[in-house]
């Protein structure tokens, strides 16, 4: 009798373990839908399987475990980065990745729990709510606790006919399509209103295929050269390697000046403070004058209002603009800093930075836009919206700069990531910023991937990573604003709120 009484408990635990294992496996498949693997079709079976598991019950834990597979395994590249450059022991580096995965897994868990809670367990309403609530979950992931919208669902629309929707609803709104397709497929497989599921699946496919036309840049054309110095991260801040660093960029730029009007160097390409090294400033100034070309280069700037020494948390990481014939250099700095990498949040001051540098960084309050003041009438409207490294994963950063910038410039140093998927996923984010704003994006990276990205997200030209060289090409200024640039995320939420009300309080829902 005792064995018989215990059998249902054992079965319940077994099936719960099985469901959670399958949920984790579905989540673990998600990273392969993103760059560099680009198995986009994989997101539909992965999310459909997860949604079918949600319909059975235990929404919070099922969503959380799915998120662990997605973000925990998907961020494996963070462990070698922390181990190599932290430097953290492997045990702590792996634990840090697990903590990041667990923190991000809260969002799928919250999405699943909210859908169940609001639908009161009604499976038809759950399937209707999931795509709508997914937009909110993605938005929260991009904003809560400074935000980390790495590998967002909307970026999966790149290289598909549906990508132009991102210029209207942004990357967060674009999550409606993959989650909607998965929910419709789940409805058909689970027998929850299969006719409605088939109709929704068909309509979403039609919306994806017959998407609005892409925005094109129609302004003047410019020749540009993106310099990829390929400076090893271990030597980047080494004073003994400084001569080699500067000579390498100068040599590549002297060659590029013969073929381009604008030359762009990566993030912190000049690894020093001009305030403390005036001789190097003069050295660079003389060479740029000799090239007679506009040069944008990543560098550091000391904010003397915060103190005269780098240890006083007063260094700005940003982008300089040199123009021939002008003695003064424009500078704009990074606004969205990397927590624990470039600064320590005020609420946990006892923790040290995980990534060593020459000082603590401080965000700037400038516009983030550099204005090209060349005298010719063909180029007087040009302006560069600077996205410094990590900033390119945040749509609001690009949208803010694109209000006045005619082209976006993303300078970065992805050498931290080594030869891992992180570099390609970082570039995937930059491609989305080009689509959302309808502007060319010029990406200069220390070790790659340096690329010219068109307003439709297409890579016009690039070069292999971890090679020294120059990417040549042309771009056009963009003078029009996309709907997403004009309105941001708010119109989408204004649309979603009435839809949520209709789903939650229908007169008749025959599902």
Protein backbone atom coordinates (compact mmCIF):
# COMPACT_ATOMS: atom_id res chain seq x y z
CA UNK A 1 0.00 0.00 0.00
CA UNK A 2 2.83 2.38 0.82
CA UNK A 3 4.47 1.70 -2.54
CA UNK A 4 1.14 2.32 -4.33
CA UNK A 5 0.57 5.59 -2.47
CA UNK A 6 4.02 6.88 -3.38
CA UNK A 7 3.72 6.04 -7.09
CA UNK A 8 1.70 9.12 -8.15
CA UNK A 9 4.21 11.41 -6.40
CA UNK A 10 7.07 9.70 -8.24
CA UNK A 11 5.25 10.04 -11.56
CA UNK A 12 4.51 13.71 -10.89
CA UNK A 13 8.16 14.41 -10.16
CA UNK A 14 9.26 12.46 -13.19
CA UNK A 15 7.00 14.33 -15.59
CA UNK A 16 7.88 17.67 -14.02
CA UNK A 17 11.59 16.89 -14.42
CA UNK A 18 10.95 15.83 -18.01
CA UNK A 19 9.05 19.04 -18.80
CA UNK A 20 11.75 21.22 -17.30
CA UNK A 21 14.46 19.31 -19.15
CA UNK A 22 12.61 19.84 -22.41
CA UNK A 23 12.10 23.53 -21.58
CA UNK A 24 15.84 23.90 -20.94
CA UNK A 25 16.59 22.14 -24.25
CA UNK A 26 14.25 24.50 -26.10
CA UNK A 27 16.03 27.46 -24.55
CA UNK A 28 19.45 25.99 -25.33
CA UNK A 29 18.47 25.87 -29.01
CA UNK A 30 17.73 29.61 -29.11
CA UNK A 31 21.35 30.92 -29.32
CA UNK A 32 21.86 28.97 -32.55
CA UNK A 33 19.19 31.13 -34.23
CA UNK A 34 21.50 34.15 -33.86
CA UNK A 35 24.82 35.05 -35.44
CA UNK A 36 27.18 33.49 -36.31
CA UNK A 37 25.07 30.34 -36.72
CA UNK A 38 22.03 32.15 -38.17
CA UNK A 39 19.70 29.14 -37.99
CA UNK A 40 16.72 31.49 -37.80
CA UNK A 41 14.17 28.78 -38.53
CA UNK A 42 15.19 27.13 -35.25
CA UNK A 43 13.41 29.79 -33.20
CA UNK A 44 9.97 28.59 -34.35
CA UNK A 45 10.24 24.93 -33.18
CA UNK A 46 12.15 26.00 -30.05
CA UNK A 47 9.55 28.55 -28.96
CA UNK A 48 6.63 26.39 -30.08
CA UNK A 49 7.88 23.51 -27.95
CA UNK A 50 8.32 25.83 -24.99
CA UNK A 51 4.81 27.28 -25.40
CA UNK A 52 3.31 23.79 -25.53
CA UNK A 53 5.05 23.04 -22.24
CA UNK A 54 3.66 26.26 -20.77
CA UNK A 55 0.12 25.13 -21.55
CA UNK A 56 0.60 22.13 -19.26
CA UNK A 57 1.30 24.27 -16.19
CA UNK A 58 4.05 25.52 -13.88
CA UNK A 59 4.50 28.68 -16.00
CA UNK A 60 7.04 30.49 -13.85
CA UNK A 61 9.53 27.67 -13.48
CA UNK A 62 9.03 26.54 -17.09
CA UNK A 63 9.72 30.06 -18.34
CA UNK A 64 12.69 30.51 -16.03
CA UNK A 65 14.32 27.22 -17.05
CA UNK A 66 13.78 28.09 -20.72
CA UNK A 67 15.56 31.39 -20.06
CA UNK A 68 18.44 29.58 -18.33
CA UNK A 69 19.01 27.53 -21.45
CA UNK A 70 18.74 30.56 -23.72
CA UNK A 71 20.80 33.10 -21.82
CA UNK A 72 22.90 30.90 -19.55
CA UNK A 73 24.33 28.73 -22.32
CA UNK A 74 24.09 31.54 -24.86
CA UNK A 75 26.43 33.73 -22.81
CA UNK A 76 29.12 31.07 -22.38
CA UNK A 77 31.59 33.41 -24.11
CA UNK A 78 31.53 35.67 -21.05
CA UNK A 79 33.41 33.06 -18.99
CA UNK A 80 36.67 33.09 -21.01
CA UNK A 81 36.45 36.89 -21.21
CA UNK A 82 36.25 37.23 -17.42
CA UNK A 83 38.88 34.55 -16.90
CA UNK A 84 41.37 36.08 -19.33
CA UNK A 85 40.89 39.79 -18.70
CA UNK A 86 39.17 39.83 -15.27
CA UNK A 87 41.14 37.98 -14.28
CA UNK A 88 38.80 35.61 -12.45
CA UNK A 89 39.42 31.94 -11.66
CA UNK A 90 37.43 29.62 -13.93
CA UNK A 91 35.07 28.67 -11.11
CA UNK A 92 34.11 32.29 -10.46
CA UNK A 93 33.93 33.09 -14.17
CA UNK A 94 31.50 30.24 -14.78
CA UNK A 95 29.51 31.26 -11.72
CA UNK A 96 29.30 34.82 -13.07
CA UNK A 97 27.87 33.50 -16.35
CA UNK A 98 25.33 31.43 -14.41
CA UNK A 99 24.30 34.54 -12.48
CA UNK A 100 23.86 36.54 -15.69
CA UNK A 101 21.82 33.70 -17.18
CA UNK A 102 19.65 33.47 -14.08
CA UNK A 103 19.05 37.23 -14.02
CA UNK A 104 17.98 37.31 -17.69
CA UNK A 105 15.92 34.13 -17.26
CA UNK A 106 13.60 36.12 -15.01
CA UNK A 107 12.12 37.81 -18.08
CA UNK A 108 10.83 34.65 -19.86
CA UNK A 109 9.67 33.45 -16.45
CA UNK A 110 7.79 36.70 -15.90
CA UNK A 111 6.35 36.50 -19.42
CA UNK A 112 5.00 32.98 -18.89
CA UNK A 113 3.66 33.71 -15.40
CA UNK A 114 1.92 36.93 -16.54
CA UNK A 115 0.24 35.19 -19.47
CA UNK A 116 -1.11 32.42 -17.22
CA UNK A 117 -2.16 34.82 -14.50
CA UNK A 118 -3.97 37.26 -16.78
CA UNK A 119 -5.63 34.48 -18.77
CA UNK A 120 -6.76 32.68 -15.60
CA UNK A 121 -5.47 29.43 -17.08
CA UNK A 122 -7.52 29.70 -20.30
CA UNK A 123 -5.23 28.19 -22.92
CA UNK A 124 -6.68 30.17 -25.81
CA UNK A 125 -6.12 33.47 -24.03
CA UNK A 126 -2.61 32.40 -23.03
CA UNK A 127 -1.73 31.91 -26.67
CA UNK A 128 -3.18 35.30 -27.57
CA UNK A 129 -1.43 37.06 -24.72
CA UNK A 130 2.06 35.63 -25.18
CA UNK A 131 3.02 37.61 -28.33
CA UNK A 132 1.66 40.84 -26.83
CA UNK A 133 3.37 40.38 -23.49
CA UNK A 134 6.61 39.30 -25.20
CA UNK A 135 7.01 42.86 -26.47
CA UNK A 136 6.79 44.17 -22.92
CA UNK A 137 9.20 41.52 -21.63
CA UNK A 138 11.76 42.40 -24.30
CA UNK A 139 11.39 46.10 -23.51
CA UNK A 140 11.90 45.45 -19.81
CA UNK A 141 15.00 43.40 -20.55
CA UNK A 142 16.39 46.36 -22.44
CA UNK A 143 15.76 48.88 -19.66
CA UNK A 144 15.60 47.29 -16.20
CA UNK A 145 18.79 47.67 -14.12
CA UNK A 146 20.50 49.60 -16.98
CA UNK A 147 19.26 46.96 -19.47
CA UNK A 148 20.88 44.11 -21.41
CA UNK A 149 18.99 43.53 -24.68
CA UNK A 150 21.54 41.02 -25.98
CA UNK A 151 20.16 38.68 -28.68
CA UNK A 152 16.65 40.19 -28.76
CA UNK A 153 13.94 38.30 -30.62
CA UNK A 154 13.40 41.14 -33.07
CA UNK A 155 16.91 40.88 -34.51
CA UNK A 156 15.96 37.50 -35.99
CA UNK A 157 14.12 39.41 -38.72
CA UNK A 158 17.45 40.45 -40.25
CA UNK A 159 18.04 38.97 -43.70
CA UNK A 160 14.33 38.20 -44.07
CA UNK A 161 11.63 40.09 -46.02
CA UNK A 162 10.10 41.13 -42.67
CA UNK A 163 13.05 43.24 -41.53
CA UNK A 164 11.50 46.52 -42.70
CA UNK A 165 8.94 46.28 -39.87
CA UNK A 166 11.80 47.18 -37.50
CA UNK A 167 11.91 50.67 -39.01
CA UNK A 168 8.31 51.09 -37.80
CA UNK A 169 8.04 49.22 -34.49
CA UNK A 170 11.70 48.83 -33.50
CA UNK A 171 13.49 45.71 -32.33
CA UNK A 172 11.18 45.20 -29.34
CA UNK A 173 8.00 45.43 -31.40
CA UNK A 174 9.50 43.05 -33.97
CA UNK A 175 9.31 40.30 -31.32
CA UNK A 176 5.59 40.04 -32.16
CA UNK A 177 6.35 38.11 -35.35
CA UNK A 178 8.45 35.14 -34.10
CA UNK A 179 6.44 34.74 -30.89
CA UNK A 180 3.16 35.13 -32.80
CA UNK A 181 4.15 32.43 -35.31
CA UNK A 182 5.16 30.08 -32.50
CA UNK A 183 1.93 30.71 -30.58
CA UNK A 184 -0.19 30.11 -33.70
CA UNK A 185 1.66 26.88 -34.43
CA UNK A 186 1.22 25.79 -30.82
CA UNK A 187 -2.52 26.43 -31.09
CA UNK A 188 -2.72 24.11 -34.09
CA UNK A 189 -0.63 21.37 -32.48
CA UNK A 190 -2.46 21.53 -29.14
CA UNK A 191 -5.91 21.67 -30.73
CA UNK A 192 -6.67 25.00 -29.06
CA UNK A 193 -8.67 26.75 -31.74
CA UNK A 194 -6.73 25.19 -34.65
CA UNK A 195 -8.68 27.18 -37.26
CA UNK A 196 -7.81 30.44 -35.54
CA UNK A 197 -4.22 29.26 -35.19
CA UNK A 198 -3.97 28.49 -38.90
CA UNK A 199 -5.51 31.86 -39.80
CA UNK A 200 -3.10 33.73 -37.49
CA UNK A 201 -0.11 31.76 -38.81
CA UNK A 202 -1.07 32.56 -42.41
CA UNK A 203 -1.67 36.25 -41.71
CA UNK A 204 1.66 36.62 -39.93
CA UNK A 205 3.49 34.96 -42.82
CA UNK A 206 1.77 37.32 -45.24
CA UNK A 207 2.70 40.30 -43.07
CA UNK A 208 6.31 39.09 -43.03
CA UNK A 209 6.50 38.57 -46.79
CA UNK A 210 4.61 41.71 -47.82
CA UNK A 211 6.41 44.03 -45.42
CA UNK A 212 6.62 47.79 -46.07
CA UNK A 213 9.40 49.03 -48.38
CA UNK A 214 12.78 49.69 -46.82
CA UNK A 215 13.99 53.19 -46.07
CA UNK A 216 16.87 54.31 -48.26
CA UNK A 217 19.53 56.95 -47.76
CA UNK A 218 19.24 59.43 -50.62
CA UNK A 219 21.76 62.09 -49.63
CA UNK A 220 25.23 62.84 -51.00
CA UNK A 221 27.68 59.93 -51.37
CA UNK A 222 30.98 59.81 -49.48
CA UNK A 223 34.06 57.59 -49.70
CA UNK A 224 35.02 56.08 -46.36
CA UNK A 225 37.83 53.91 -44.98
CA UNK A 226 37.44 51.87 -41.79
CA UNK A 227 40.81 51.05 -40.24
CA UNK A 228 41.08 47.73 -38.40
CA UNK A 229 44.32 47.87 -36.42
CA UNK A 230 44.07 44.37 -34.88
CA UNK A 231 45.89 45.37 -31.68
CA UNK A 232 46.03 42.41 -29.24
CA UNK A 233 44.02 43.13 -26.11
CA UNK A 234 46.93 42.06 -23.89
CA UNK A 235 49.07 44.80 -25.47
CA UNK A 236 46.50 47.52 -26.03
CA UNK A 237 47.29 49.44 -22.84
CA UNK A 238 50.97 48.43 -22.73
CA UNK A 239 53.14 51.55 -22.81
CA UNK A 240 55.93 49.60 -24.49
CA UNK A 241 53.59 48.79 -27.41
CA UNK A 242 52.33 52.36 -27.86
CA UNK A 243 54.76 53.23 -30.67
CA UNK A 244 53.73 50.13 -32.62
CA UNK A 245 50.04 50.96 -32.11
CA UNK A 246 50.33 54.53 -33.36
CA UNK A 247 52.62 53.62 -36.26
CA UNK A 248 50.24 50.89 -37.39
CA UNK A 249 47.22 53.19 -37.51
CA UNK A 250 49.25 55.96 -39.15
CA UNK A 251 50.59 53.64 -41.83
CA UNK A 252 47.17 52.20 -42.68
CA UNK A 253 45.62 55.68 -42.73
CA UNK A 254 48.28 57.14 -45.02
CA UNK A 255 47.37 54.45 -47.53
CA UNK A 256 43.63 54.95 -46.96
CA UNK A 257 43.92 58.70 -47.58
CA UNK A 258 44.59 57.93 -51.25
CA UNK A 259 41.21 56.22 -51.66
CA UNK A 260 38.80 57.79 -49.16
CA UNK A 261 37.57 61.18 -47.95
CA UNK A 262 36.78 60.03 -44.40
CA UNK A 263 38.92 57.73 -42.23
CA UNK A 264 37.57 56.06 -39.09
CA UNK A 265 39.55 54.32 -36.34
CA UNK A 266 38.06 51.98 -33.68
CA UNK A 267 37.22 52.58 -30.04
CA UNK A 268 40.17 53.81 -27.94
CA UNK A 269 42.46 53.41 -30.93
CA UNK A 270 44.63 56.08 -29.30
CA UNK A 271 45.24 54.50 -25.85
CA UNK A 272 46.34 57.59 -23.96
CA UNK A 273 45.17 60.91 -22.57
CA UNK A 274 46.21 63.89 -24.71
CA UNK A 275 46.03 66.06 -21.58
CA UNK A 276 48.96 64.02 -20.24
CA UNK A 277 50.73 63.47 -23.58
CA UNK A 278 50.79 66.73 -25.60
CA UNK A 279 53.71 65.47 -27.71
CA UNK A 280 51.62 62.59 -29.00
CA UNK A 281 48.80 65.00 -29.80
CA UNK A 282 51.15 67.10 -31.90
CA UNK A 283 52.54 63.98 -33.59
CA UNK A 284 49.07 62.82 -34.57
CA UNK A 285 47.95 66.31 -35.59
CA UNK A 286 50.85 66.67 -38.03
CA UNK A 287 50.12 63.34 -39.69
CA UNK A 288 46.41 63.99 -40.05
CA UNK A 289 47.15 67.39 -41.58
CA UNK A 290 49.41 65.61 -44.05
CA UNK A 291 46.68 63.15 -45.04
CA UNK A 292 44.32 66.09 -45.64
CA UNK A 293 41.31 63.94 -44.80
CA UNK A 294 38.58 63.99 -42.17
CA UNK A 295 39.49 61.51 -39.42
CA UNK A 296 37.28 60.09 -36.68
CA UNK A 297 39.16 58.13 -34.03
CA UNK A 298 38.32 56.56 -30.71
CA UNK A 299 40.12 58.03 -27.75
CA UNK A 300 39.96 59.12 -24.13
CA UNK A 301 39.39 62.57 -22.70
CA UNK A 302 40.01 63.91 -19.23
CA UNK A 303 37.19 65.90 -17.65
CA UNK A 304 39.23 68.34 -15.60
CA UNK A 305 36.17 69.50 -13.69
CA UNK A 306 36.18 66.13 -11.95
CA UNK A 307 39.88 66.20 -11.10
CA UNK A 308 43.25 66.17 -12.83
CA UNK A 309 44.19 62.54 -12.30
CA UNK A 310 42.66 59.48 -14.05
CA UNK A 311 42.07 57.72 -10.73
CA UNK A 312 39.37 60.23 -9.86
CA UNK A 313 36.70 58.69 -12.12
CA UNK A 314 36.75 61.53 -14.60
CA UNK A 315 37.73 59.88 -17.89
CA UNK A 316 35.43 59.94 -20.90
CA UNK A 317 35.60 57.20 -23.52
CA UNK A 318 34.52 58.60 -26.86
CA UNK A 319 35.10 59.67 -30.44
CA UNK A 320 37.19 62.55 -31.78
CA UNK A 321 36.64 64.34 -35.10
CA UNK A 322 39.56 65.97 -36.91
CA UNK A 323 38.98 68.13 -39.99
CA UNK A 324 41.80 69.48 -42.18
CA UNK A 325 42.57 73.11 -41.52
CA UNK A 326 41.04 73.12 -38.04
CA UNK A 327 43.13 73.14 -34.87
CA UNK A 328 40.32 72.14 -32.49
CA UNK A 329 39.02 68.57 -32.43
CA UNK A 330 35.39 67.82 -31.69
CA UNK A 331 34.71 65.14 -29.06
CA UNK A 332 31.62 63.24 -27.95
CA UNK A 333 31.66 60.59 -25.26
CA UNK A 334 29.99 57.38 -24.25
CA UNK A 335 26.76 57.74 -22.29
CA UNK A 336 25.69 54.17 -21.52
CA UNK A 337 28.62 52.61 -19.68
CA UNK A 338 29.18 48.91 -19.05
CA UNK A 339 28.39 48.13 -15.40
CA UNK A 340 31.33 46.44 -13.62
CA UNK A 341 33.41 46.96 -16.76
CA UNK A 342 33.60 50.76 -16.98
CA UNK A 343 32.11 51.76 -13.66
CA UNK A 344 30.81 50.34 -10.40
CA UNK A 345 27.14 51.10 -9.63
CA UNK A 346 26.78 53.43 -6.68
CA UNK A 347 24.59 50.98 -4.75
CA UNK A 348 27.44 48.41 -4.60
CA UNK A 349 30.61 50.49 -4.26
CA UNK A 350 32.54 47.72 -2.53
CA UNK A 351 32.87 45.73 -5.76
CA UNK A 352 35.82 46.34 -8.05
CA UNK A 353 35.63 46.57 -11.81
CA UNK A 354 35.78 43.20 -13.50
CA UNK A 355 37.76 44.58 -16.43
CA UNK A 356 40.93 46.56 -15.67
CA UNK A 357 41.52 49.92 -17.32
CA UNK A 358 43.54 53.06 -16.80
CA UNK A 359 40.80 54.66 -14.75
CA UNK A 360 37.12 54.75 -13.97
CA UNK A 361 34.93 56.13 -16.75
CA UNK A 362 32.28 58.78 -16.51
CA UNK A 363 29.35 59.20 -18.93
CA UNK A 364 29.13 62.42 -20.93
CA UNK A 365 26.17 64.74 -21.31
CA UNK A 366 26.79 65.85 -24.90
CA UNK A 367 24.52 65.12 -27.87
CA UNK A 368 26.60 62.21 -29.13
CA UNK A 369 26.69 63.84 -32.60
CA UNK A 370 29.74 65.18 -34.43
CA UNK A 371 29.09 67.75 -37.15
CA UNK A 372 31.08 67.58 -40.36
CA UNK A 373 31.72 71.22 -41.22
CA UNK A 374 33.46 70.76 -44.55
CA UNK A 375 33.22 73.79 -46.78
CA UNK A 376 31.82 72.11 -49.91
CA UNK A 377 28.08 72.41 -50.48
CA UNK A 378 27.77 68.67 -51.15
CA UNK A 379 28.70 67.68 -47.61
CA UNK A 380 27.58 70.48 -45.35
CA UNK A 381 24.64 68.51 -43.95
CA UNK A 382 26.69 65.51 -42.87
CA UNK A 383 26.79 64.64 -39.19
CA UNK A 384 27.98 61.54 -37.36
CA UNK A 385 26.01 59.86 -34.58
CA UNK A 386 28.56 58.14 -32.36
CA UNK A 387 27.76 54.77 -30.78
CA UNK A 388 30.66 53.70 -28.60
CA UNK A 389 30.93 49.90 -28.38
CA UNK A 390 28.24 48.63 -25.97
CA UNK A 391 25.88 51.48 -26.87
CA UNK A 392 25.05 49.84 -30.19
CA UNK A 393 22.85 47.21 -28.50
CA UNK A 394 20.45 49.90 -27.24
CA UNK A 395 17.93 51.17 -29.82
CA UNK A 396 17.16 54.34 -27.88
CA UNK A 397 20.83 55.39 -28.07
CA UNK A 398 20.87 55.20 -31.86
CA UNK A 399 17.42 56.77 -32.13
CA UNK A 400 18.50 59.75 -30.02
CA UNK A 401 21.56 60.45 -32.16
CA UNK A 402 19.76 59.86 -35.45
CA UNK A 403 17.47 62.81 -34.75
CA UNK A 404 20.29 65.06 -35.97
CA UNK A 405 22.86 62.62 -37.43
CA UNK A 406 22.81 61.65 -41.10
CA UNK A 407 24.98 58.57 -40.56
CA UNK A 408 25.79 56.38 -37.53
CA UNK A 409 29.35 55.50 -36.55
CA UNK A 410 29.94 52.55 -34.25
CA UNK A 411 33.49 52.27 -32.93
CA UNK A 412 34.24 49.24 -30.80
CA UNK A 413 36.91 46.94 -29.43
CA UNK A 414 35.59 43.38 -29.49
CA UNK A 415 39.00 41.88 -28.74
CA UNK A 416 37.62 41.22 -25.25
CA UNK A 417 35.43 38.45 -26.68
CA UNK A 418 38.16 36.57 -28.53
CA UNK A 419 36.94 34.36 -31.38
CA UNK A 420 33.52 33.70 -29.84
CA UNK A 421 29.95 34.32 -31.10
CA UNK A 422 29.77 37.52 -29.04
CA UNK A 423 31.52 39.54 -31.74
CA UNK A 424 29.02 38.51 -34.40
CA UNK A 425 26.05 39.04 -32.10
CA UNK A 426 27.36 42.50 -31.28
CA UNK A 427 27.52 43.27 -35.00
CA UNK A 428 24.00 41.88 -35.42
CA UNK A 429 22.80 44.51 -32.96
CA UNK A 430 24.54 47.24 -34.96
CA UNK A 431 22.73 46.06 -38.10
CA UNK A 432 19.40 46.50 -36.32
CA UNK A 433 20.30 50.09 -35.40
CA UNK A 434 20.83 50.83 -39.09
CA UNK A 435 17.38 49.46 -39.97
CA UNK A 436 15.55 51.24 -37.14
CA UNK A 437 16.99 54.61 -38.07
CA UNK A 438 17.13 54.20 -41.86
CA UNK A 439 20.79 55.24 -41.83
CA UNK A 440 24.08 53.79 -42.90
CA UNK A 441 26.15 52.51 -40.00
CA UNK A 442 29.94 52.60 -40.25
CA UNK A 443 31.46 50.06 -37.87
CA UNK A 444 35.17 50.29 -37.08
CA UNK A 445 36.36 47.51 -34.79
CA UNK A 446 39.85 46.89 -33.42
CA UNK A 447 39.95 43.17 -34.23
CA UNK A 448 36.74 43.07 -36.29
CA UNK A 449 34.24 42.81 -37.56
CA UNK A 450 34.63 46.18 -39.33
CA UNK A 451 31.84 46.78 -41.84
CA UNK A 452 29.77 49.26 -43.82
CA UNK A 453 26.11 48.50 -43.09
CA UNK A 454 23.28 49.79 -45.30
CA UNK A 455 19.93 51.11 -43.99
CA UNK A 456 18.30 47.75 -44.76
CA UNK A 457 20.76 45.97 -42.45
CA UNK A 458 22.74 44.53 -45.34
CA UNK A 459 26.54 44.34 -44.95
CA UNK A 460 27.87 46.26 -47.95
CA UNK A 461 31.53 45.57 -47.30
CA UNK A 462 33.63 44.08 -44.51
CA UNK A 463 36.87 42.26 -43.83
CA UNK A 464 37.78 39.15 -41.80
CA UNK A 465 38.26 39.51 -38.07
CA UNK A 466 41.67 39.37 -36.38
CA UNK A 467 43.36 40.74 -39.48
CA UNK A 468 45.05 44.09 -39.99
CA UNK A 469 43.66 46.15 -42.84
CA UNK A 470 41.16 48.69 -44.16
CA UNK A 471 37.54 48.38 -45.29
CA UNK A 472 36.79 50.69 -48.22
CA UNK A 473 33.41 51.71 -49.53
CA UNK A 474 30.85 54.46 -49.85
CA UNK A 475 27.83 55.59 -47.88
CA UNK A 476 25.06 58.13 -48.32
CA UNK A 477 23.64 60.61 -45.87
CA UNK A 478 20.07 59.93 -44.76
CA UNK A 479 17.84 62.96 -44.41
CA UNK A 480 14.48 61.29 -43.63
CA UNK A 481 13.23 59.94 -40.32
CA UNK A 482 11.75 56.46 -39.97
CA UNK A 483 8.50 56.04 -37.98
CA UNK A 484 10.52 54.44 -35.19
CA UNK A 485 12.84 57.47 -35.11
CA UNK A 486 9.90 59.84 -34.85
CA UNK A 487 7.85 57.99 -32.25
CA UNK A 488 10.01 55.36 -30.56
CA UNK A 489 8.32 52.54 -28.63
CA UNK A 490 5.36 54.47 -27.26
CA UNK A 491 2.92 54.14 -30.20
CA UNK A 492 3.44 50.39 -30.10
CA UNK A 493 2.49 50.22 -26.44
CA UNK A 494 -0.54 52.42 -27.10
CA UNK A 495 -1.64 49.84 -29.65
CA UNK A 496 -0.89 46.84 -27.44
CA UNK A 497 -2.87 48.07 -24.44
CA UNK A 498 -6.25 48.04 -26.28
CA UNK A 499 -5.38 44.64 -27.74
CA UNK A 500 -4.68 43.33 -24.25
CA UNK A 501 -8.04 44.62 -23.07
CA UNK A 502 -9.81 42.89 -25.98
CA UNK A 503 -8.05 39.62 -25.19
CA UNK A 504 -8.68 39.80 -21.46
CA UNK A 505 -12.29 40.94 -21.62
CA UNK A 506 -13.84 39.46 -24.77
CA UNK A 507 -17.56 39.09 -25.18
CA UNK A 508 -17.03 35.70 -26.67
CA UNK A 509 -13.85 33.68 -27.01
CA UNK A 510 -14.61 30.30 -28.51
CA UNK A 511 -11.20 28.72 -28.03
